[in-house]
PDB file of N, CA and C in Angstrom:
ATOM      1  N   ASN A   1       0.852  -1.167   0.000  1.00  0.00           N
ATOM      2  CA  ASN A   1       0.000   0.000   0.000  1.00  0.00           C
ATOM      3  C   ASN A   1       0.897   1.229   0.000  1.00  0.00           C
ATOM      4  N   LEU A   2       0.785   2.048  -1.029  1.00  0.00           N
ATOM      5  CA  LEU A   2       1.619   3.231  -1.186  1.00  0.00           C
ATOM      6  C   LEU A   2       0.758   4.478  -1.259  1.00  0.00           C
ATOM      7  N   HIS A   3       1.378   5.587  -0.977  1.00  0.00           N
ATOM      8  CA  HIS A   3       0.732   6.871  -1.221  1.00  0.00           C
ATOM      9  C   HIS A   3       1.331   7.408  -2.516  1.00  0.00           C
ATOM     10  N   ALA A   4       0.879   6.845  -3.621  1.00  0.00           N
ATOM     11  CA  ALA A   4       1.367   7.218  -4.944  1.00  0.00           C
ATOM     12  C   ALA A   4       0.179   7.273  -5.890  1.00  0.00           C
ATOM     13  N   ASP A   5       0.092   8.343  -6.654  1.00  0.00           N
ATOM     14  CA  ASP A   5      -1.015   8.503  -7.592  1.00  0.00           C
ATOM     15  C   ASP A   5      -0.738   7.903  -8.959  1.00  0.00           C
ATOM     16  N   THR A   6       0.539   7.706  -9.269  1.00  0.00           N
ATOM     17  CA  THR A   6       0.896   7.209 -10.591  1.00  0.00           C
ATOM     18  C   THR A   6       1.895   6.061 -10.465  1.00  0.00           C
ATOM     19  N   LEU A   7       2.038   5.336 -11.541  1.00  0.00           N
ATOM     20  CA  LEU A   7       3.019   4.258 -11.596  1.00  0.00           C
ATOM     21  C   LEU A   7       4.426   4.808 -11.378  1.00  0.00           C
ATOM     22  N   ASP A   8       4.728   5.953 -11.964  1.00  0.00           N
ATOM     23  CA  ASP A   8       6.058   6.547 -11.800  1.00  0.00           C
ATOM     24  C   ASP A   8       6.334   6.915 -10.341  1.00  0.00           C
ATOM     25  N   GLU A   9       5.334   7.443  -9.647  1.00  0.00           N
ATOM     26  CA  GLU A   9       5.514   7.759  -8.229  1.00  0.00           C
ATOM     27  C   GLU A   9       5.744   6.482  -7.422  1.00  0.00           C
ATOM     28  N   ALA A  10       5.008   5.435  -7.737  1.00  0.00           N
ATOM     29  CA  ALA A  10       5.181   4.156  -7.031  1.00  0.00           C
ATOM     30  C   ALA A  10       6.578   3.602  -7.284  1.00  0.00           C
ATOM     31  N   ARG A  11       7.025   3.632  -8.543  1.00  0.00           N
ATOM     32  CA  ARG A  11       8.361   3.149  -8.884  1.00  0.00           C
ATOM     33  C   ARG A  11       9.421   3.944  -8.132  1.00  0.00           C
ATOM     34  N   HIS A  12       9.258   5.259  -8.079  1.00  0.00           N
ATOM     35  CA  HIS A  12      10.225   6.102  -7.386  1.00  0.00           C
ATOM     36  C   HIS A  12      10.316   5.708  -5.909  1.00  0.00           C
ATOM     37  N   GLN A  13       9.173   5.527  -5.260  1.00  0.00           N
ATOM     38  CA  GLN A  13       9.173   5.155  -3.844  1.00  0.00           C
ATOM     39  C   GLN A  13       9.857   3.810  -3.614  1.00  0.00           C
ATOM     40  N   ILE A  14       9.489   2.833  -4.415  1.00  0.00           N
ATOM     41  CA  ILE A  14       9.975   1.470  -4.180  1.00  0.00           C
ATOM     42  C   ILE A  14      11.433   1.294  -4.614  1.00  0.00           C
ATOM     43  N   VAL A  15      11.772   1.803  -5.792  1.00  0.00           N
ATOM     44  CA  VAL A  15      13.121   1.590  -6.326  1.00  0.00           C
ATOM     45  C   VAL A  15      14.106   2.606  -5.757  1.00  0.00           C
ATOM     46  N   HIS A  16      13.773   3.883  -5.823  1.00  0.00           N
ATOM     47  CA  HIS A  16      14.739   4.913  -5.450  1.00  0.00           C
ATOM     48  C   HIS A  16      14.780   5.169  -3.947  1.00  0.00           C
ATOM     49  N   GLU A  17      13.625   5.238  -3.313  1.00  0.00           N
ATOM     50  CA  GLU A  17      13.610   5.543  -1.883  1.00  0.00           C
ATOM     51  C   GLU A  17      13.859   4.317  -1.016  1.00  0.00           C
ATOM     52  N   CYS A  18      13.344   3.165  -1.437  1.00  0.00           N
ATOM     53  CA  CYS A  18      13.492   1.950  -0.622  1.00  0.00           C
ATOM     54  C   CYS A  18      14.642   1.062  -1.092  1.00  0.00           C
ATOM     55  N   GLY A  19      15.179   1.331  -2.270  1.00  0.00           N
ATOM     56  CA  GLY A  19      16.342   0.597  -2.747  1.00  0.00           C
ATOM     57  C   GLY A  19      16.059  -0.767  -3.350  1.00  0.00           C
ATOM     58  N   ALA A  20      14.815  -1.027  -3.726  1.00  0.00           N
ATOM     59  CA  ALA A  20      14.492  -2.307  -4.367  1.00  0.00           C
ATOM     60  C   ALA A  20      15.012  -2.308  -5.808  1.00  0.00           C
ATOM     61  N   ALA A  21      15.293  -3.489  -6.302  1.00  0.00           N
ATOM     62  CA  ALA A  21      15.719  -3.627  -7.701  1.00  0.00           C
ATOM     63  C   ALA A  21      14.534  -3.331  -8.623  1.00  0.00           C
ATOM     64  N   PRO A  22      14.777  -2.731  -9.780  1.00  0.00           N
ATOM     65  CA  PRO A  22      13.680  -2.493 -10.735  1.00  0.00           C
ATOM     66  C   PRO A  22      12.921  -3.771 -11.080  1.00  0.00           C
ATOM     67  N   GLU A  23      13.630  -4.904 -11.143  1.00  0.00           N
ATOM     68  CA  GLU A  23      12.962  -6.174 -11.449  1.00  0.00           C
ATOM     69  C   GLU A  23      11.986  -6.554 -10.318  1.00  0.00           C
ATOM     70  N   GLY A  24      12.346  -6.207  -9.101  1.00  0.00           N
ATOM     71  CA  GLY A  24      11.452  -6.456  -7.968  1.00  0.00           C
ATOM     72  C   GLY A  24      10.185  -5.637  -8.081  1.00  0.00           C
ATOM     73  N   PHE A  25      10.337  -4.384  -8.513  1.00  0.00           N
ATOM     74  CA  PHE A  25       9.158  -3.544  -8.721  1.00  0.00           C
ATOM     75  C   PHE A  25       8.276  -4.137  -9.817  1.00  0.00           C
ATOM     76  N   ASP A  26       8.895  -4.553 -10.923  1.00  0.00           N
ATOM     77  CA  ASP A  26       8.130  -5.144 -12.027  1.00  0.00           C
ATOM     78  C   ASP A  26       7.389  -6.401 -11.589  1.00  0.00           C
ATOM     79  N   ALA A  27       7.976  -7.132 -10.635  1.00  0.00           N
ATOM     80  CA  ALA A  27       7.362  -8.377 -10.167  1.00  0.00           C
ATOM     81  C   ALA A  27       6.052  -8.133  -9.426  1.00  0.00           C
ATOM     82  N   LEU A  28       5.801  -6.893  -8.993  1.00  0.00           N
ATOM     83  CA  LEU A  28       4.512  -6.606  -8.353  1.00  0.00           C
ATOM     84  C   LEU A  28       3.371  -6.948  -9.309  1.00  0.00           C
ATOM     85  N   GLY A  29       3.573  -6.652 -10.577  1.00  0.00           N
ATOM     86  CA  GLY A  29       2.632  -7.064 -11.607  1.00  0.00           C
ATOM     87  C   GLY A  29       1.451  -6.159 -11.844  1.00  0.00           C
ATOM     88  N   ILE A  30       1.073  -5.353 -10.842  1.00  0.00           N
ATOM     89  CA  ILE A  30      -0.117  -4.520 -11.004  1.00  0.00           C
ATOM     90  C   ILE A  30       0.009  -3.279 -10.127  1.00  0.00           C
ATOM     91  N   PHE A  31      -0.496  -2.173 -10.640  1.00  0.00           N
ATOM     92  CA  PHE A  31      -0.584  -0.931  -9.878  1.00  0.00           C
ATOM     93  C   PHE A  31      -2.003  -0.426 -10.035  1.00  0.00           C
ATOM     94  N   VAL A  32      -2.684  -0.223  -8.924  1.00  0.00           N
ATOM     95  CA  VAL A  32      -4.050   0.281  -8.937  1.00  0.00           C
ATOM     96  C   VAL A  32      -4.049   1.609  -8.194  1.00  0.00           C
ATOM     97  N   GLY A  33      -4.315   2.684  -8.928  1.00  0.00           N
ATOM     98  CA  GLY A  33      -4.384   4.011  -8.322  1.00  0.00           C
ATOM     99  C   GLY A  33      -5.787   4.260  -7.794  1.00  0.00           C
ATOM    100  N   VAL A  34      -5.896   4.474  -6.500  1.00  0.00           N
ATOM    101  CA  VAL A  34      -7.200   4.637  -5.847  1.00  0.00           C
ATOM    102  C   VAL A  34      -7.277   6.029  -5.225  1.00  0.00           C
ATOM    103  N   SER A  35      -8.371   6.750  -5.500  1.00  0.00           N
ATOM    104  CA  SER A  35      -8.595   8.030  -4.829  1.00  0.00           C
ATOM    105  C   SER A  35      -9.496   7.786  -3.620  1.00  0.00           C
ATOM    106  N   VAL A  36      -9.285   8.574  -2.596  1.00  0.00           N
ATOM    107  CA  VAL A  36     -10.067   8.458  -1.364  1.00  0.00           C
ATOM    108  C   VAL A  36     -10.737   9.800  -1.114  1.00  0.00           C
ATOM    109  N   LYS A  37     -12.055   9.764  -0.966  1.00  0.00           N
ATOM    110  CA  LYS A  37     -12.827  10.970  -0.673  1.00  0.00           C
ATOM    111  C   LYS A  37     -13.614  10.730   0.609  1.00  0.00           C
ATOM    112  N   ARG A  38     -13.517  11.685   1.515  1.00  0.00           N
ATOM    113  CA  ARG A  38     -14.266  11.589   2.762  1.00  0.00           C
ATOM    114  C   ARG A  38     -15.411  12.585   2.716  1.00  0.00           C
ATOM    115  N   GLY A  39     -16.570  12.128   3.137  1.00  0.00           N
ATOM    116  CA  GLY A  39     -17.739  12.988   3.124  1.00  0.00           C
ATOM    117  C   GLY A  39     -18.720  12.599   4.208  1.00  0.00           C
ATOM    118  N   GLY A  40     -19.890  13.188   4.145  1.00  0.00           N
ATOM    119  CA  GLY A  40     -20.916  12.946   5.147  1.00  0.00           C
ATOM    120  C   GLY A  40     -21.387  11.502   5.199  1.00  0.00           C
ATOM    121  N   LEU A  41     -21.264  10.785   4.100  1.00  0.00           N
ATOM    122  CA  LEU A  41     -21.709   9.390   4.060  1.00  0.00           C
ATOM    123  C   LEU A  41     -20.581   8.409   4.302  1.00  0.00           C
ATOM    124  N   GLY A  42     -19.432   8.912   4.713  1.00  0.00           N
ATOM    125  CA  GLY A  42     -18.302   8.025   4.983  1.00  0.00           C
ATOM    126  C   GLY A  42     -17.197   8.197   3.958  1.00  0.00           C
ATOM    127  N   THR A  43     -16.332   7.217   3.909  1.00  0.00           N
ATOM    128  CA  THR A  43     -15.184   7.246   3.010  1.00  0.00           C
ATOM    129  C   THR A  43     -15.530   6.488   1.737  1.00  0.00           C
ATOM    130  N   ARG A  44     -15.184   7.085   0.619  1.00  0.00           N
ATOM    131  CA  ARG A  44     -15.449   6.456  -0.679  1.00  0.00           C
ATOM    132  C   ARG A  44     -14.133   6.313  -1.433  1.00  0.00           C
ATOM    133  N   ARG A  45     -13.903   5.122  -1.934  1.00  0.00           N
ATOM    134  CA  ARG A  45     -12.690   4.850  -2.702  1.00  0.00           C
ATOM    135  C   ARG A  45     -13.073   4.547  -4.146  1.00  0.00           C
ATOM    136  N   ARG A  46     -12.260   5.059  -5.065  1.00  0.00           N
ATOM    137  CA  ARG A  46     -12.544   4.851  -6.485  1.00  0.00           C
ATOM    138  C   ARG A  46     -11.231   4.561  -7.217  1.00  0.00           C
ATOM    139  N   VAL A  47     -11.260   3.541  -8.054  1.00  0.00           N
ATOM    140  CA  VAL A  47     -10.092   3.227  -8.871  1.00  0.00           C
ATOM    141  C   VAL A  47     -10.001   4.282  -9.969  1.00  0.00           C
ATOM    142  N   GLU A  48      -8.880   4.991  -9.975  1.00  0.00           N
ATOM    143  CA  GLU A  48      -8.667   6.056 -10.952  1.00  0.00           C
ATOM    144  C   GLU A  48      -7.893   5.567 -12.170  1.00  0.00           C
ATOM    145  N   ARG A  49      -7.003   4.611 -11.941  1.00  0.00           N
ATOM    146  CA  ARG A  49      -6.207   4.081 -13.036  1.00  0.00           C
ATOM    147  C   ARG A  49      -5.638   2.736 -12.628  1.00  0.00           C
ATOM    148  N   MET A  50      -5.272   1.971 -13.627  1.00  0.00           N
ATOM    149  CA  MET A  50      -4.627   0.702 -13.353  1.00  0.00           C
ATOM    150  C   MET A  50      -3.575   0.455 -14.424  1.00  0.00           C
ATOM    151  N   ASP A  51      -2.420   0.019 -13.961  1.00  0.00           N
ATOM    152  CA  ASP A  51      -1.329  -0.373 -14.845  1.00  0.00           C
ATOM    153  C   ASP A  51      -0.961  -1.804 -14.495  1.00  0.00           C
ATOM    154  N   TYR A  52      -0.507  -2.552 -15.481  1.00  0.00           N
ATOM    155  CA  TYR A  52      -0.107  -3.933 -15.221  1.00  0.00           C
ATOM    156  C   TYR A  52       1.138  -4.253 -16.036  1.00  0.00           C
ATOM    157  N   HIS A  53       1.898  -5.192 -15.506  1.00  0.00           N
ATOM    158  CA  HIS A  53       3.117  -5.625 -16.192  1.00  0.00           C
ATOM    159  C   HIS A  53       2.764  -6.861 -17.003  1.00  0.00           C
ATOM    160  N   ASP A  54       3.056  -6.835 -18.281  1.00  0.00           N
ATOM    161  CA  ASP A  54       2.661  -7.951 -19.158  1.00  0.00           C
ATOM    162  C   ASP A  54       3.792  -8.944 -19.394  1.00  0.00           C
ATOM    163  N   GLY A  55       4.839  -8.861 -18.576  1.00  0.00           N
ATOM    164  CA  GLY A  55       5.985  -9.742 -18.746  1.00  0.00           C
ATOM    165  C   GLY A  55       7.124  -9.067 -19.480  1.00  0.00           C
ATOM    166  N   GLY A  56       6.818  -8.022 -20.213  1.00  0.00           N
ATOM    167  CA  GLY A  56       7.842  -7.292 -20.940  1.00  0.00           C
ATOM    168  C   GLY A  56       7.927  -5.832 -20.534  1.00  0.00           C
ATOM    169  N   ARG A  57       6.756  -5.234 -20.288  1.00  0.00           N
ATOM    170  CA  ARG A  57       6.728  -3.821 -19.909  1.00  0.00           C
ATOM    171  C   ARG A  57       5.420  -3.508 -19.187  1.00  0.00           C
ATOM    172  N   TRP A  58       5.371  -2.334 -18.601  1.00  0.00           N
ATOM    173  CA  TRP A  58       4.153  -1.861 -17.949  1.00  0.00           C
ATOM    174  C   TRP A  58       3.216  -1.284 -18.994  1.00  0.00           C
ATOM    175  N   ARG A  59       1.935  -1.562 -18.839  1.00  0.00           N
ATOM    176  CA  ARG A  59       0.909  -1.041 -19.747  1.00  0.00           C
ATOM    177  C   ARG A  59      -0.214  -0.415 -18.925  1.00  0.00           C
ATOM    178  N   ALA A  60      -0.756   0.679 -19.420  1.00  0.00           N
ATOM    179  CA  ALA A  60      -1.922   1.296 -18.795  1.00  0.00           C
ATOM    180  C   ALA A  60      -3.169   0.591 -19.307  1.00  0.00           C
ATOM    181  N   TRP A  61      -4.066   0.272 -18.404  1.00  0.00           N
ATOM    182  CA  TRP A  61      -5.339  -0.347 -18.776  1.00  0.00           C
ATOM    183  C   TRP A  61      -6.235   0.749 -19.333  1.00  0.00           C
ATOM    184  N   ASP A  62      -6.711   0.573 -20.532  1.00  0.00           N
ATOM    185  CA  ASP A  62      -7.618   1.528 -21.149  1.00  0.00           C
ATOM    186  C   ASP A  62      -8.952   0.831 -21.375  1.00  0.00           C
ATOM    187  N   ALA A  63      -9.927   1.155 -20.563  1.00  0.00           N
ATOM    188  CA  ALA A  63     -11.232   0.483 -20.608  1.00  0.00           C
ATOM    189  C   ALA A  63     -11.972   0.732 -21.921  1.00  0.00           C
ATOM    190  N   LYS A  64     -11.513   1.695 -22.714  1.00  0.00           N
ATOM    191  CA  LYS A  64     -12.171   1.972 -23.999  1.00  0.00           C
ATOM    192  C   LYS A  64     -11.816   0.938 -25.056  1.00  0.00           C
ATOM    193  N   ASN A  65     -10.717   0.232 -24.863  1.00  0.00           N
ATOM    194  CA  ASN A  65     -10.264  -0.758 -25.840  1.00  0.00           C
ATOM    195  C   ASN A  65     -10.753  -2.158 -25.465  1.00  0.00           C
ATOM    196  N   GLU A  66     -10.759  -3.033 -26.446  1.00  0.00           N
ATOM    197  CA  GLU A  66     -11.059  -4.439 -26.195  1.00  0.00           C
ATOM    198  C   GLU A  66     -10.001  -4.969 -25.229  1.00  0.00           C
ATOM    199  N   PRO A  67     -10.418  -5.623 -24.143  1.00  0.00           N
ATOM    200  CA  PRO A  67      -9.427  -6.086 -23.162  1.00  0.00           C
ATOM    201  C   PRO A  67      -8.528  -7.189 -23.716  1.00  0.00           C
ATOM    202  N   THR A  68      -7.277  -7.137 -23.286  1.00  0.00           N
ATOM    203  CA  THR A  68      -6.335  -8.191 -23.629  1.00  0.00           C
ATOM    204  C   THR A  68      -6.620  -9.400 -22.734  1.00  0.00           C
ATOM    205  N   GLU A  69      -5.978 -10.515 -23.027  1.00  0.00           N
ATOM    206  CA  GLU A  69      -6.148 -11.698 -22.191  1.00  0.00           C
ATOM    207  C   GLU A  69      -5.700 -11.411 -20.756  1.00  0.00           C
ATOM    208  N   ARG A  70      -4.593 -10.706 -20.607  1.00  0.00           N
ATOM    209  CA  ARG A  70      -4.083 -10.364 -19.273  1.00  0.00           C
ATOM    210  C   ARG A  70      -5.091  -9.486 -18.529  1.00  0.00           C
ATOM    211  N   GLU A  71      -5.674  -8.523 -19.228  1.00  0.00           N
ATOM    212  CA  GLU A  71      -6.677  -7.652 -18.602  1.00  0.00           C
ATOM    213  C   GLU A  71      -7.912  -8.439 -18.186  1.00  0.00           C
ATOM    214  N   ARG A  72      -8.324  -9.398 -19.000  1.00  0.00           N
ATOM    215  CA  ARG A  72      -9.470 -10.239 -18.624  1.00  0.00           C
ATOM    216  C   ARG A  72      -9.148 -11.055 -17.372  1.00  0.00           C
ATOM    217  N   ASP A  73      -7.923 -11.580 -17.289  1.00  0.00           N
ATOM    218  CA  ASP A  73      -7.504 -12.342 -16.102  1.00  0.00           C
ATOM    219  C   ASP A  73      -7.536 -11.469 -14.848  1.00  0.00           C
ATOM    220  N   ILE A  74      -7.049 -10.245 -14.977  1.00  0.00           N
ATOM    221  CA  ILE A  74      -7.043  -9.327 -13.831  1.00  0.00           C
ATOM    222  C   ILE A  74      -8.471  -8.976 -13.427  1.00  0.00           C
ATOM    223  N   ALA A  75      -9.329  -8.702 -14.404  1.00  0.00           N
ATOM    224  CA  ALA A  75     -10.724  -8.386 -14.109  1.00  0.00           C
ATOM    225  C   ALA A  75     -11.406  -9.561 -13.404  1.00  0.00           C
ATOM    226  N   LEU A  76     -11.107 -10.770 -13.838  1.00  0.00           N
ATOM    227  CA  LEU A  76     -11.660 -11.962 -13.198  1.00  0.00           C
ATOM    228  C   LEU A  76     -11.173 -12.068 -11.756  1.00  0.00           C
ATOM    229  N   PHE A  77      -9.902 -11.761 -11.513  1.00  0.00           N
ATOM    230  CA  PHE A  77      -9.359 -11.773 -10.160  1.00  0.00           C
ATOM    231  C   PHE A  77     -10.152 -10.821  -9.271  1.00  0.00           C
ATOM    232  N   PHE A  78     -10.378  -9.581  -9.736  1.00  0.00           N
ATOM    233  CA  PHE A  78     -11.114  -8.612  -8.920  1.00  0.00           C
ATOM    234  C   PHE A  78     -12.577  -9.023  -8.740  1.00  0.00           C
ATOM    235  N   ALA A  79     -13.175  -9.608  -9.758  1.00  0.00           N
ATOM    236  CA  ALA A  79     -14.548 -10.097  -9.631  1.00  0.00           C
ATOM    237  C   ALA A  79     -14.639 -11.192  -8.571  1.00  0.00           C
ATOM    238  N   GLU A  80     -13.650 -12.083  -8.552  1.00  0.00           N
ATOM    239  CA  GLU A  80     -13.610 -13.144  -7.540  1.00  0.00           C
ATOM    240  C   GLU A  80     -13.427 -12.554  -6.143  1.00  0.00           C
ATOM    241  N   CYS A  81     -12.609 -11.520  -6.030  1.00  0.00           N
ATOM    242  CA  CYS A  81     -12.441 -10.850  -4.735  1.00  0.00           C
ATOM    243  C   CYS A  81     -13.779 -10.322  -4.245  1.00  0.00           C
ATOM    244  N   LEU A  82     -14.507  -9.626  -5.102  1.00  0.00           N
ATOM    245  CA  LEU A  82     -15.807  -9.084  -4.709  1.00  0.00           C
ATOM    246  C   LEU A  82     -16.777 -10.194  -4.324  1.00  0.00           C
ATOM    247  N   LYS A  83     -16.806 -11.244  -5.133  1.00  0.00           N
ATOM    248  CA  LYS A  83     -17.698 -12.379  -4.865  1.00  0.00           C
ATOM    249  C   LYS A  83     -17.410 -13.011  -3.510  1.00  0.00           C
ATOM    250  N   ASN A  84     -16.135 -13.040  -3.134  1.00  0.00           N
ATOM    251  CA  ASN A  84     -15.725 -13.664  -1.878  1.00  0.00           C
ATOM    252  C   ASN A  84     -15.637 -12.673  -0.718  1.00  0.00           C
ATOM    253  N   GLY A  85     -16.136 -11.459  -0.928  1.00  0.00           N
ATOM    254  CA  GLY A  85     -16.153 -10.476   0.146  1.00  0.00           C
ATOM    255  C   GLY A  85     -14.795  -9.874   0.468  1.00  0.00           C
ATOM    256  N   ILE A  86     -13.861  -9.987  -0.434  1.00  0.00           N
ATOM    257  CA  ILE A  86     -12.517  -9.427  -0.226  1.00  0.00           C
ATOM    258  C   ILE A  86     -12.536  -7.997  -0.735  1.00  0.00           C
ATOM    259  N   ARG A  87     -12.463  -7.046   0.186  1.00  0.00           N
ATOM    260  CA  ARG A  87     -12.582  -5.643  -0.192  1.00  0.00           C
ATOM    261  C   ARG A  87     -11.466  -4.768   0.358  1.00  0.00           C
ATOM    262  N   ARG A  88     -10.883  -5.131   1.472  1.00  0.00           N
ATOM    263  CA  ARG A  88      -9.828  -4.328   2.081  1.00  0.00           C
ATOM    264  C   ARG A  88      -8.540  -4.465   1.279  1.00  0.00           C
ATOM    265  N   VAL A  89      -7.780  -3.373   1.191  1.00  0.00           N
ATOM    266  CA  VAL A  89      -6.536  -3.366   0.425  1.00  0.00           C
ATOM    267  C   VAL A  89      -5.622  -4.505   0.855  1.00  0.00           C
ATOM    268  N   GLU A  90      -5.485  -4.686   2.156  1.00  0.00           N
ATOM    269  CA  GLU A  90      -4.587  -5.716   2.671  1.00  0.00           C
ATOM    270  C   GLU A  90      -5.018  -7.107   2.226  1.00  0.00           C
ATOM    271  N   ASP A  91      -6.326  -7.335   2.203  1.00  0.00           N
ATOM    272  CA  ASP A  91      -6.849  -8.645   1.811  1.00  0.00           C
ATOM    273  C   ASP A  91      -6.725  -8.876   0.307  1.00  0.00           C
ATOM    274  N   VAL A  92      -6.945  -7.829  -0.472  1.00  0.00           N
ATOM    275  CA  VAL A  92      -6.775  -7.937  -1.929  1.00  0.00           C
ATOM    276  C   VAL A  92      -5.312  -8.225  -2.243  1.00  0.00           C
ATOM    277  N   ARG A  93      -4.411  -7.516  -1.561  1.00  0.00           N
ATOM    278  CA  ARG A  93      -2.980  -7.732  -1.786  1.00  0.00           C
ATOM    279  C   ARG A  93      -2.596  -9.170  -1.458  1.00  0.00           C
ATOM    280  N   ALA A  94      -3.089  -9.691  -0.330  1.00  0.00           N
ATOM    281  CA  ALA A  94      -2.788 -11.078   0.050  1.00  0.00           C
ATOM    282  C   ALA A  94      -3.336 -12.054  -0.982  1.00  0.00           C
ATOM    283  N   ALA A  95      -4.551 -11.814  -1.463  1.00  0.00           N
ATOM    284  CA  ALA A  95      -5.149 -12.689  -2.480  1.00  0.00           C
ATOM    285  C   ALA A  95      -4.359 -12.630  -3.784  1.00  0.00           C
ATOM    286  N   TRP A  96      -3.891 -11.438  -4.160  1.00  0.00           N
ATOM    287  CA  TRP A  96      -3.102 -11.275  -5.389  1.00  0.00           C
ATOM    288  C   TRP A  96      -1.808 -12.081  -5.292  1.00  0.00           C
ATOM    289  N   LEU A  97      -1.136 -11.962  -4.156  1.00  0.00           N
ATOM    290  CA  LEU A  97       0.126 -12.682  -3.991  1.00  0.00           C
ATOM    291  C   LEU A  97      -0.109 -14.198  -3.950  1.00  0.00           C
ATOM    292  N   GLU A  98      -1.191 -14.615  -3.355  1.00  0.00           N
ATOM    293  CA  GLU A  98      -1.510 -16.046  -3.297  1.00  0.00           C
ATOM    294  C   GLU A  98      -1.841 -16.595  -4.685  1.00  0.00           C
ATOM    295  N   ALA A  99      -2.530 -15.791  -5.496  1.00  0.00           N
ATOM    296  CA  ALA A  99      -2.941 -16.240  -6.828  1.00  0.00           C
ATOM    297  C   ALA A  99      -1.765 -16.337  -7.793  1.00  0.00           C
ATOM    298  N   ARG A 100      -0.697 -15.640  -7.499  1.00  0.00           N
ATOM    299  CA  ARG A 100       0.463 -15.615  -8.392  1.00  0.00           C
ATOM    300  C   ARG A 100       1.270 -16.824  -8.132  1.00  0.00           C
TER     301      ARG A 100
END
């Protein structure tokens, strides 16, 4: 869980500030940018962007295009999380690592 709005900010934190190898960052496989808004009805989180590593490079998910096989797999993963009541960041992260 990072406080980063973009893939580049996440990479900077993990590789440059924490000293991880770039390959280690790539091994994360997915970056989901989430905005948090607090209001009278509580806290609301919204996925603003998603990037994924396709084995060769990072790609931005563009919902306007026909999904790739990798994007369909990721969407299925998130659908399974919702179906199984997995909603907290920590639990999604654990499920992602277990599924890999």
